[in-house]
Amino acid sequence: MDRHEHWNSIYQTKAVTDVSWFESDPQISVELINTASSSHGRVIDVGGGASRLVDRLVATGFESVTVLDISEIALEHAKARLGAQAAQVHWIVGDICQIAELPPCDVWHDRAVLHFLTEPNDRRKYVDSVTRTVRIGGHVIIGTFAVDGPLKCSGLEVCRYDAGTLSRELGPRFKLVRELSHTHLTPTSKQQHFFFGLFELLPLLVASTLSPGSSV
């Protein structure tokens, strides 16, 4: 089963409120996005699926909101929930490792996509996509399982991160601005430890003088 079939199968067999990553209120993501873009610019939510984050972004009045997910079934759940407001969102069905171009953005948000990319080549494609899509000086928010988080999710192995390993994965153009730990409580009341990093995309010439994760 490929990635597309796997995630469609998940959303065909489970209610969106029963999946382990469900959040009734995506408070951490909203806080970090507002920190990254106080002027409510352009946001892309990578792996947004049926998440309720898009509802909050639309209600807040962001300039442009794009939601990308590999599962069209997940996106249909979000569209149905938003109703007429769904027309305000740019919806994209696709695999982040295969999409050639995405709309330019000020903020890239990813809660729990990168940690499923266990192949180095897939992670390189992911970082290339971030670099092409985010404007210079824009921000990247990535939430992954922490180093003491789960080893698997939805039957798939994951990579776990902290500030150092995530900074090295992204490379020297990404300056770590803020980091935080978060304990997510699943619908079955299990604890999952997450790491969130907020990064700024630096100009190439500035980044060339820095080591990964260093500050300016």
Foldseek 3Di string as FASTA:
>chain_A
DDPLVLVQVVVVVDPLQQFFPADPDPVVQVVLVCVQCVVQEEEEEEQCFQHCVVVVSVVVPRPAYEYEHQYPSSVVNNCVVCDPSSVRHHYYHDDLLPDPADAATQEYEYAADQFLPPDLSSLVSNLVHVLVRHDAFGKYKYKHFAPPFDQDGSRGGTHHDELVVVLVSNWQQWAWDDKDWDWDQTPVRDTGIMIMTMTGGHPPVVSVVDGGHDDD
